[in-house]
Amino acid sequence: MKIEKVRENKKQFLDLLLIGDEQEDMIDRYLDRGDLFALYDGGLKSVCVVTCEGDGIYELKNIATYEECRGQGYGRRLVEHILEHYRGKCRVMVVGTGDRPRSLRFYERCGFAVSHRVKNFFIDHYDHPIFDCGEQLVDMVYLRKEF
């Protein structure tokens, strides 16, 4: 298993990024200013983008793993790498996700705790309804991990 920080041609990972954030113009808002990491294990398995939000706060903006590779620990390994990579630079790491038990459990197992909620985020910021496991996402739930 190998994790690389991607410095150029980040859009080559768009197919995978669209799994984590399915509207391209939303990805465009953070991709160029963020650090993109790609996890390989006999081929590309997972990616994530991390942005600096100022004052020692970093945000995990997008984490995505190919569907056929989920449940094999790739996402968790990528988050662990990110947390280690930003240790010393980062005071707080935050992540926003849909209000779905599966997603919340994943981040809680990675050491994050629920911080706050942004009401109607997925309604107000996307040009189409966003669904996860057949249910429409409405609120964004933010979780945080302090260093």
C-alpha atoms as a PDB file:
ATOM      1  CA  MET A   1       0.000   0.000   0.000  1.00  0.00           C
ATOM      2  CA  LYS A   2       1.302   3.438  -0.953  1.00  0.00           C
ATOM      3  CA  ILE A   3      -0.102   6.934  -0.328  1.00  0.00           C
ATOM      4  CA  GLU A   4       1.101   9.816  -2.481  1.00  0.00           C
ATOM      5  CA  LYS A   5       0.525  13.553  -2.290  1.00  0.00           C
ATOM      6  CA  VAL A   6      -0.551  14.637  -5.774  1.00  0.00           C
ATOM      7  CA  ARG A   7       0.787  18.025  -6.837  1.00  0.00           C
ATOM      8  CA  GLU A   8      -0.272  18.235 -10.492  1.00  0.00           C
ATOM      9  CA  ASN A   9      -3.158  17.157 -12.698  1.00  0.00           C
ATOM     10  CA  LYS A  10      -5.530  16.680  -9.768  1.00  0.00           C
ATOM     11  CA  LYS A  11      -8.500  16.568 -12.153  1.00  0.00           C
ATOM     12  CA  GLN A  12      -7.289  13.157 -13.377  1.00  0.00           C
ATOM     13  CA  PHE A  13      -8.941  11.826 -10.182  1.00  0.00           C
ATOM     14  CA  LEU A  14     -12.296  13.461 -10.939  1.00  0.00           C
ATOM     15  CA  ASP A  15     -14.151  10.153 -11.400  1.00  0.00           C
ATOM     16  CA  LEU A  16     -13.255   9.153  -7.847  1.00  0.00           C
ATOM     17  CA  LEU A  17     -13.701  12.649  -6.370  1.00  0.00           C
ATOM     18  CA  LEU A  18     -17.232  12.716  -7.772  1.00  0.00           C
ATOM     19  CA  ILE A  19     -18.050   9.720  -5.568  1.00  0.00           C
ATOM     20  CA  GLY A  20     -17.276  11.809  -2.474  1.00  0.00           C
ATOM     21  CA  ASP A  21     -18.792  15.042  -3.779  1.00  0.00           C
ATOM     22  CA  GLU A  22     -21.008  14.510  -6.789  1.00  0.00           C
ATOM     23  CA  GLN A  23     -21.112  18.055  -8.154  1.00  0.00           C
ATOM     24  CA  GLU A  24     -18.022  19.102 -10.097  1.00  0.00           C
ATOM     25  CA  ASP A  25     -18.319  22.838  -9.466  1.00  0.00           C
ATOM     26  CA  MET A  26     -18.332  22.146  -5.714  1.00  0.00           C
ATOM     27  CA  ILE A  27     -15.080  20.164  -6.116  1.00  0.00           C
ATOM     28  CA  ASP A  28     -13.624  23.027  -8.168  1.00  0.00           C
ATOM     29  CA  ARG A  29     -14.075  25.334  -5.172  1.00  0.00           C
ATOM     30  CA  TYR A  30     -11.449  23.475  -3.133  1.00  0.00           C
ATOM     31  CA  LEU A  31      -9.417  21.174  -5.384  1.00  0.00           C
ATOM     32  CA  ASP A  32      -6.779  23.692  -6.504  1.00  0.00           C
ATOM     33  CA  ARG A  33      -6.243  25.109  -3.017  1.00  0.00           C
ATOM     34  CA  GLY A  34      -6.260  21.720  -1.316  1.00  0.00           C
ATOM     35  CA  ASP A  35      -3.772  18.895  -0.910  1.00  0.00           C
ATOM     36  CA  LEU A  36      -4.861  15.752  -2.744  1.00  0.00           C
ATOM     37  CA  PHE A  37      -3.716  12.356  -1.500  1.00  0.00           C
ATOM     38  CA  ALA A  38      -4.118   9.111  -3.436  1.00  0.00           C
ATOM     39  CA  LEU A  39      -3.932   5.619  -1.939  1.00  0.00           C
ATOM     40  CA  TYR A  40      -2.690   2.809  -4.171  1.00  0.00           C
ATOM     41  CA  ASP A  41      -2.740  -0.898  -3.465  1.00  0.00           C
ATOM     42  CA  GLY A  42      -2.250  -2.718  -6.750  1.00  0.00           C
ATOM     43  CA  GLY A  43      -3.963   0.281  -8.375  1.00  0.00           C
ATOM     44  CA  LEU A  44      -5.797   3.390  -7.220  1.00  0.00           C
ATOM     45  CA  LYS A  45      -8.252   2.662  -4.408  1.00  0.00           C
ATOM     46  CA  SER A  46      -9.021   5.916  -2.598  1.00  0.00           C
ATOM     47  CA  VAL A  47      -8.410   9.683  -2.623  1.00  0.00           C
ATOM     48  CA  CYS A  48      -8.980  12.636  -0.322  1.00  0.00           C
ATOM     49  CA  VAL A  49      -8.533  16.402  -0.366  1.00  0.00           C
ATOM     50  CA  VAL A  50      -7.512  18.496   2.641  1.00  0.00           C
ATOM     51  CA  THR A  51      -7.693  22.296   2.782  1.00  0.00           C
ATOM     52  CA  CYS A  52      -6.200  24.813   5.177  1.00  0.00           C
ATOM     53  CA  GLU A  53      -8.979  26.975   6.594  1.00  0.00           C
ATOM     54  CA  GLY A  54      -6.677  29.222   8.637  1.00  0.00           C
ATOM     55  CA  ASP A  55      -5.748  29.487  12.314  1.00  0.00           C
ATOM     56  CA  GLY A  56      -4.474  25.892  12.449  1.00  0.00           C
ATOM     57  CA  ILE A  57      -7.752  24.471  11.174  1.00  0.00           C
ATOM     58  CA  TYR A  58      -7.674  21.991   8.302  1.00  0.00           C
ATOM     59  CA  GLU A  59     -10.675  20.418   6.631  1.00  0.00           C
ATOM     60  CA  LEU A  60     -10.950  16.984   5.097  1.00  0.00           C
ATOM     61  CA  LYS A  61     -13.127  18.002   2.145  1.00  0.00           C
ATOM     62  CA  ASN A  62     -13.529  14.829   0.153  1.00  0.00           C
ATOM     63  CA  ILE A  63     -12.693  11.224   0.816  1.00  0.00           C
ATOM     64  CA  ALA A  64     -13.740   8.627  -1.713  1.00  0.00           C
ATOM     65  CA  THR A  65     -13.049   4.948  -2.255  1.00  0.00           C
ATOM     66  CA  TYR A  66     -14.144   2.946  -5.262  1.00  0.00           C
ATOM     67  CA  GLU A  67     -17.284   1.024  -4.357  1.00  0.00           C
ATOM     68  CA  GLU A  68     -15.744  -2.389  -4.993  1.00  0.00           C
ATOM     69  CA  CYS A  69     -12.887  -1.491  -2.606  1.00  0.00           C
ATOM     70  CA  ARG A  70     -14.995  -0.302   0.329  1.00  0.00           C
ATOM     71  CA  GLY A  71     -14.923  -2.163   3.603  1.00  0.00           C
ATOM     72  CA  GLN A  72     -11.275  -3.135   3.142  1.00  0.00           C
ATOM     73  CA  GLY A  73      -9.777  -0.405   5.347  1.00  0.00           C
ATOM     74  CA  TYR A  74      -8.561   1.920   2.594  1.00  0.00           C
ATOM     75  CA  GLY A  75     -10.572   4.936   3.755  1.00  0.00           C
ATOM     76  CA  ARG A  76      -9.533   4.468   7.350  1.00  0.00           C
ATOM     77  CA  ARG A  77      -5.876   4.050   6.363  1.00  0.00           C
ATOM     78  CA  LEU A  78      -6.054   7.247   4.299  1.00  0.00           C
ATOM     79  CA  VAL A  79      -7.577   9.199   7.205  1.00  0.00           C
ATOM     80  CA  GLU A  80      -4.889   7.852   9.559  1.00  0.00           C
ATOM     81  CA  HIS A  81      -2.214   8.989   7.087  1.00  0.00           C
ATOM     82  CA  ILE A  82      -3.798  12.449   6.838  1.00  0.00           C
ATOM     83  CA  LEU A  83      -3.945  12.845  10.607  1.00  0.00           C
ATOM     84  CA  GLU A  84      -0.299  11.854  10.926  1.00  0.00           C
ATOM     85  CA  HIS A  85       0.747  14.067   7.974  1.00  0.00           C
ATOM     86  CA  TYR A  86      -0.862  17.177   9.517  1.00  0.00           C
ATOM     87  CA  ARG A  87       0.225  16.499  13.104  1.00  0.00           C
ATOM     88  CA  GLY A  88       2.269  19.505  14.198  1.00  0.00           C
ATOM     89  CA  LYS A  89       0.783  21.771  11.503  1.00  0.00           C
ATOM     90  CA  CYS A  90      -2.819  21.330  12.475  1.00  0.00           C
ATOM     91  CA  ARG A  91      -4.614  22.383  15.644  1.00  0.00           C
ATOM     92  CA  VAL A  92      -8.001  20.998  14.568  1.00  0.00           C
ATOM     93  CA  MET A  93      -9.067  18.737  11.692  1.00  0.00           C
ATOM     94  CA  VAL A  94     -12.719  19.019  10.679  1.00  0.00           C
ATOM     95  CA  VAL A  95     -14.821  17.044   8.244  1.00  0.00           C
ATOM     96  CA  GLY A  96     -18.345  17.635   6.992  1.00  0.00           C
ATOM     97  CA  THR A  97     -20.550  14.743   5.931  1.00  0.00           C
ATOM     98  CA  GLY A  98     -24.146  13.865   5.299  1.00  0.00           C
ATOM     99  CA  ASP A  99     -26.304  13.019   8.272  1.00  0.00           C
ATOM    100  CA  ARG A 100     -26.070   9.253   7.745  1.00  0.00           C
ATOM    101  CA  PRO A 101     -25.236   6.810  10.551  1.00  0.00           C
ATOM    102  CA  ARG A 102     -22.725   4.886   8.402  1.00  0.00           C
ATOM    103  CA  SER A 103     -20.702   8.032   7.614  1.00  0.00           C
ATOM    104  CA  LEU A 104     -20.838   9.358  11.153  1.00  0.00           C
ATOM    105  CA  ARG A 105     -19.686   6.012  12.590  1.00  0.00           C
ATOM    106  CA  PHE A 106     -16.760   5.910  10.139  1.00  0.00           C
ATOM    107  CA  TYR A 107     -15.432   9.295  11.281  1.00  0.00           C
ATOM    108  CA  GLU A 108     -16.119   8.596  14.948  1.00  0.00           C
ATOM    109  CA  ARG A 109     -14.066   5.377  14.663  1.00  0.00           C
ATOM    110  CA  CYS A 110     -11.272   7.544  13.217  1.00  0.00           C
ATOM    111  CA  GLY A 111     -11.297   9.706  16.351  1.00  0.00           C
ATOM    112  CA  PHE A 112     -13.601  12.555  15.294  1.00  0.00           C
ATOM    113  CA  ALA A 113     -16.475  13.845  17.437  1.00  0.00           C
ATOM    114  CA  VAL A 114     -19.624  15.601  16.239  1.00  0.00           C
ATOM    115  CA  SER A 115     -19.189  19.368  16.421  1.00  0.00           C
ATOM    116  CA  HIS A 116     -22.146  21.071  14.767  1.00  0.00           C
ATOM    117  CA  ARG A 117     -24.683  20.882  11.961  1.00  0.00           C
ATOM    118  CA  VAL A 118     -25.368  23.143   8.975  1.00  0.00           C
ATOM    119  CA  LYS A 119     -29.085  22.996   8.298  1.00  0.00           C
ATOM    120  CA  ASN A 120     -30.163  22.474   4.672  1.00  0.00           C
ATOM    121  CA  PHE A 121     -26.574  22.465   3.370  1.00  0.00           C
ATOM    122  CA  PHE A 122     -27.250  19.872   0.675  1.00  0.00           C
ATOM    123  CA  ILE A 123     -30.456  21.660  -0.357  1.00  0.00           C
ATOM    124  CA  ASP A 124     -28.934  25.152  -0.479  1.00  0.00           C
ATOM    125  CA  HIS A 125     -25.551  24.400  -2.090  1.00  0.00           C
ATOM    126  CA  TYR A 126     -26.255  21.743  -4.714  1.00  0.00           C
ATOM    127  CA  ASP A 127     -28.188  22.087  -7.955  1.00  0.00           C
ATOM    128  CA  HIS A 128     -29.857  18.679  -7.538  1.00  0.00           C
ATOM    129  CA  PRO A 129     -30.921  16.418  -4.678  1.00  0.00           C
ATOM    130  CA  ILE A 130     -28.070  14.388  -3.159  1.00  0.00           C
ATOM    131  CA  PHE A 131     -28.850  10.858  -2.009  1.00  0.00           C
ATOM    132  CA  ASP A 132     -26.943   8.381   0.142  1.00  0.00           C
ATOM    133  CA  CYS A 133     -28.251   4.826   0.529  1.00  0.00           C
ATOM    134  CA  GLY A 134     -31.545   5.884  -1.041  1.00  0.00           C
ATOM    135  CA  GLU A 135     -32.186   8.762   1.373  1.00  0.00           C
ATOM    136  CA  GLN A 136     -31.891  12.433   0.472  1.00  0.00           C
ATOM    137  CA  LEU A 137     -29.205  14.348   2.337  1.00  0.00           C
ATOM    138  CA  VAL A 138     -30.363  17.621   3.867  1.00  0.00           C
ATOM    139  CA  ASP A 139     -28.057  18.736   6.701  1.00  0.00           C
ATOM    140  CA  MET A 140     -24.269  18.686   6.801  1.00  0.00           C
ATOM    141  CA  VAL A 141     -22.850  17.318  10.041  1.00  0.00           C
ATOM    142  CA  TYR A 142     -19.393  18.562  11.000  1.00  0.00           C
ATOM    143  CA  LEU A 143     -17.060  16.479  13.096  1.00  0.00           C
ATOM    144  CA  ARG A 144     -13.739  17.570  14.547  1.00  0.00           C
ATOM    145  CA  LYS A 145     -10.565  16.104  15.951  1.00  0.00           C
ATOM    146  CA  GLU A 146      -8.296  18.254  18.080  1.00  0.00           C
ATOM    147  CA  PHE A 147      -4.566  17.650  18.191  1.00  0.00           C
END
